[in-house]
Amino acid sequence: MKLTKLILCAACVLGVAVSGLAQDTSAKQDLKDAGKDTQHAAKKTARATKKGAKKTADKTKEVAGATADKTKDVADATVDGTKKAAKATTHATKKAVKKTEDLVK
């Protein structure tokens, strides 16, 4: 009987010890898993940020090109308008000078 109690007691102590080890390993594994999850999330965030930055750069480049084209078009139109205005002013000035000369004679 004493031997049975001794074996039963030893089994209980051994079971508690193994159970404690299993919990310790589980906690370590949980920490490792949490670290891996954090690393994975950081990598996904970095990839998404890189992709977003590239899209933004591409669109900025596209819009800058379009803006430059429109600016050139406006500048050309301004030059043409200025030339036309100068020509009209010259013509009107010559006409006024001629009328003034005719009045003076």
C-alpha atoms as a PDB file:
ATOM      1  CA  MET A   1       0.000   0.000   0.000  1.00  0.00           C
ATOM      2  CA  LYS A   2       2.796   2.383   0.896  1.00  0.00           C
ATOM      3  CA  LEU A   3       4.482   1.612  -2.376  1.00  0.00           C
ATOM      4  CA  THR A   4       1.285   2.414  -4.266  1.00  0.00           C
ATOM      5  CA  LYS A   5       0.915   5.741  -2.446  1.00  0.00           C
ATOM      6  CA  LEU A   6       4.569   6.524  -3.160  1.00  0.00           C
ATOM      7  CA  ILE A   7       4.167   5.761  -6.869  1.00  0.00           C
ATOM      8  CA  LEU A   8       0.927   7.752  -7.027  1.00  0.00           C
ATOM      9  CA  CYS A   9       2.536  10.714  -5.256  1.00  0.00           C
ATOM     10  CA  ALA A  10       5.569  10.562  -7.560  1.00  0.00           C
ATOM     11  CA  ALA A  11       3.280  10.481 -10.592  1.00  0.00           C
ATOM     12  CA  CYS A  12       1.424  13.562  -9.342  1.00  0.00           C
ATOM     13  CA  VAL A  13       4.644  15.465  -8.705  1.00  0.00           C
ATOM     14  CA  LEU A  14       6.001  14.426 -12.075  1.00  0.00           C
ATOM     15  CA  GLY A  15       2.720  15.441 -13.764  1.00  0.00           C
ATOM     16  CA  VAL A  16       2.790  18.882 -12.148  1.00  0.00           C
ATOM     17  CA  ALA A  17       6.436  19.355 -13.185  1.00  0.00           C
ATOM     18  CA  VAL A  18       5.740  18.376 -16.784  1.00  0.00           C
ATOM     19  CA  SER A  19       2.659  20.575 -16.821  1.00  0.00           C
ATOM     20  CA  GLY A  20       4.742  23.539 -15.603  1.00  0.00           C
ATOM     21  CA  LEU A  21       7.312  22.919 -18.345  1.00  0.00           C
ATOM     22  CA  ALA A  22       4.609  22.747 -20.979  1.00  0.00           C
ATOM     23  CA  GLN A  23       3.204  26.098 -19.864  1.00  0.00           C
ATOM     24  CA  ASP A  24       6.661  27.663 -19.904  1.00  0.00           C
ATOM     25  CA  THR A  25       7.263  26.398 -23.435  1.00  0.00           C
ATOM     26  CA  SER A  26       3.849  27.645 -24.475  1.00  0.00           C
ATOM     27  CA  ALA A  27       4.631  31.119 -23.145  1.00  0.00           C
ATOM     28  CA  LYS A  28       7.933  31.146 -25.014  1.00  0.00           C
ATOM     29  CA  GLN A  29       6.204  30.019 -28.163  1.00  0.00           C
ATOM     30  CA  ASP A  30       3.561  32.707 -27.753  1.00  0.00           C
ATOM     31  CA  LEU A  31       6.287  35.351 -27.523  1.00  0.00           C
ATOM     32  CA  LYS A  32       8.016  33.947 -30.592  1.00  0.00           C
ATOM     33  CA  ASP A  33       4.734  33.932 -32.495  1.00  0.00           C
ATOM     34  CA  ALA A  34       4.000  37.505 -31.447  1.00  0.00           C
ATOM     35  CA  GLY A  35       7.449  38.562 -32.642  1.00  0.00           C
ATOM     36  CA  LYS A  36       6.965  36.849 -36.001  1.00  0.00           C
ATOM     37  CA  ASP A  37       3.516  38.437 -36.390  1.00  0.00           C
ATOM     38  CA  THR A  38       4.935  41.872 -35.635  1.00  0.00           C
ATOM     39  CA  GLN A  39       7.752  41.348 -38.129  1.00  0.00           C
ATOM     40  CA  HIS A  40       5.281  40.215 -40.799  1.00  0.00           C
ATOM     41  CA  ALA A  41       3.030  43.231 -40.166  1.00  0.00           C
ATOM     42  CA  ALA A  42       5.997  45.601 -40.402  1.00  0.00           C
ATOM     43  CA  LYS A  43       7.035  44.094 -43.740  1.00  0.00           C
ATOM     44  CA  LYS A  44       3.494  44.390 -45.130  1.00  0.00           C
ATOM     45  CA  THR A  45       3.306  48.007 -44.000  1.00  0.00           C
ATOM     46  CA  ALA A  46       6.660  48.783 -45.608  1.00  0.00           C
ATOM     47  CA  ARG A  47       5.586  47.224 -48.903  1.00  0.00           C
ATOM     48  CA  ALA A  48       2.304  49.118 -48.885  1.00  0.00           C
ATOM     49  CA  THR A  49       4.095  52.377 -48.097  1.00  0.00           C
ATOM     50  CA  LYS A  50       6.570  51.794 -50.914  1.00  0.00           C
ATOM     51  CA  LYS A  51       3.744  51.044 -53.355  1.00  0.00           C
ATOM     52  CA  GLY A  52       1.821  54.154 -52.283  1.00  0.00           C
ATOM     53  CA  ALA A  53       4.897  56.362 -52.582  1.00  0.00           C
ATOM     54  CA  LYS A  54       5.599  55.051 -56.081  1.00  0.00           C
ATOM     55  CA  LYS A  55       2.016  55.722 -57.180  1.00  0.00           C
ATOM     56  CA  THR A  56       2.201  59.225 -55.751  1.00  0.00           C
ATOM     57  CA  ALA A  57       5.506  59.911 -57.507  1.00  0.00           C
ATOM     58  CA  ASP A  58       4.155  58.624 -60.820  1.00  0.00           C
ATOM     59  CA  LYS A  59       1.013  60.766 -60.600  1.00  0.00           C
ATOM     60  CA  THR A  60       3.036  63.819 -59.569  1.00  0.00           C
ATOM     61  CA  LYS A  61       5.308  63.334 -62.558  1.00  0.00           C
ATOM     62  CA  GLU A  62       2.292  62.933 -64.841  1.00  0.00           C
ATOM     63  CA  VAL A  63       0.581  66.068 -63.520  1.00  0.00           C
ATOM     64  CA  ALA A  64       3.816  68.064 -63.674  1.00  0.00           C
ATOM     65  CA  GLY A  65       4.218  67.122 -67.333  1.00  0.00           C
ATOM     66  CA  ALA A  66       0.654  68.137 -68.123  1.00  0.00           C
ATOM     67  CA  THR A  67       1.102  71.409 -66.241  1.00  0.00           C
ATOM     68  CA  ALA A  68       4.300  72.153 -68.158  1.00  0.00           C
ATOM     69  CA  ASP A  69       2.531  71.490 -71.458  1.00  0.00           C
ATOM     70  CA  LYS A  70      -0.366  73.790 -70.564  1.00  0.00           C
ATOM     71  CA  THR A  71       2.014  76.485 -69.324  1.00  0.00           C
ATOM     72  CA  LYS A  72       3.868  76.366 -72.632  1.00  0.00           C
ATOM     73  CA  ASP A  73       0.573  76.610 -74.527  1.00  0.00           C
ATOM     74  CA  VAL A  74      -0.471  79.643 -72.469  1.00  0.00           C
ATOM     75  CA  ALA A  75       2.945  81.271 -72.954  1.00  0.00           C
ATOM     76  CA  ASP A  76       2.723  80.742 -76.721  1.00  0.00           C
ATOM     77  CA  ALA A  77      -0.774  82.206 -76.789  1.00  0.00           C
ATOM     78  CA  THR A  78       0.443  85.195 -74.772  1.00  0.00           C
ATOM     79  CA  VAL A  79       3.292  85.790 -77.220  1.00  0.00           C
ATOM     80  CA  ASP A  80       0.891  85.589 -80.167  1.00  0.00           C
ATOM     81  CA  GLY A  81      -1.561  87.943 -78.467  1.00  0.00           C
ATOM     82  CA  THR A  82       1.195  90.404 -77.629  1.00  0.00           C
ATOM     83  CA  LYS A  83       2.434  90.385 -81.239  1.00  0.00           C
ATOM     84  CA  LYS A  84      -1.085  91.008 -82.537  1.00  0.00           C
ATOM     85  CA  ALA A  85      -1.618  93.825 -80.054  1.00  0.00           C
ATOM     86  CA  ALA A  86       1.735  95.394 -80.956  1.00  0.00           C
ATOM     87  CA  LYS A  87       0.898  95.192 -84.665  1.00  0.00           C
ATOM     88  CA  ALA A  88      -2.512  96.761 -84.088  1.00  0.00           C
ATOM     89  CA  THR A  89      -0.972  99.494 -81.929  1.00  0.00           C
ATOM     90  CA  THR A  90       1.648 100.228 -84.571  1.00  0.00           C
ATOM     91  CA  HIS A  91      -0.992 100.416 -87.265  1.00  0.00           C
ATOM     92  CA  ALA A  92      -3.215 102.706 -85.167  1.00  0.00           C
ATOM     93  CA  THR A  93      -0.251 104.921 -84.299  1.00  0.00           C
ATOM     94  CA  LYS A  94       0.745 105.282 -87.961  1.00  0.00           C
ATOM     95  CA  LYS A  95      -2.854 106.085 -88.834  1.00  0.00           C
ATOM     96  CA  ALA A  96      -3.016 108.748 -86.096  1.00  0.00           C
ATOM     97  CA  VAL A  97       0.283 110.267 -87.225  1.00  0.00           C
ATOM     98  CA  LYS A  98      -0.981 110.452 -90.817  1.00  0.00           C
ATOM     99  CA  LYS A  99      -4.224 112.154 -89.700  1.00  0.00           C
ATOM    100  CA  THR A 100      -2.258 114.575 -87.572  1.00  0.00           C
ATOM    101  CA  GLU A 101       0.028 115.401 -90.497  1.00  0.00           C
ATOM    102  CA  ASP A 102      -2.982 115.913 -92.745  1.00  0.00           C
ATOM    103  CA  LEU A 103      -4.502 118.314 -90.216  1.00  0.00           C
ATOM    104  CA  VAL A 104      -1.281 120.245 -89.827  1.00  0.00           C
ATOM    105  CA  LYS A 105      -0.913 120.822 -93.599  1.00  0.00           C
END
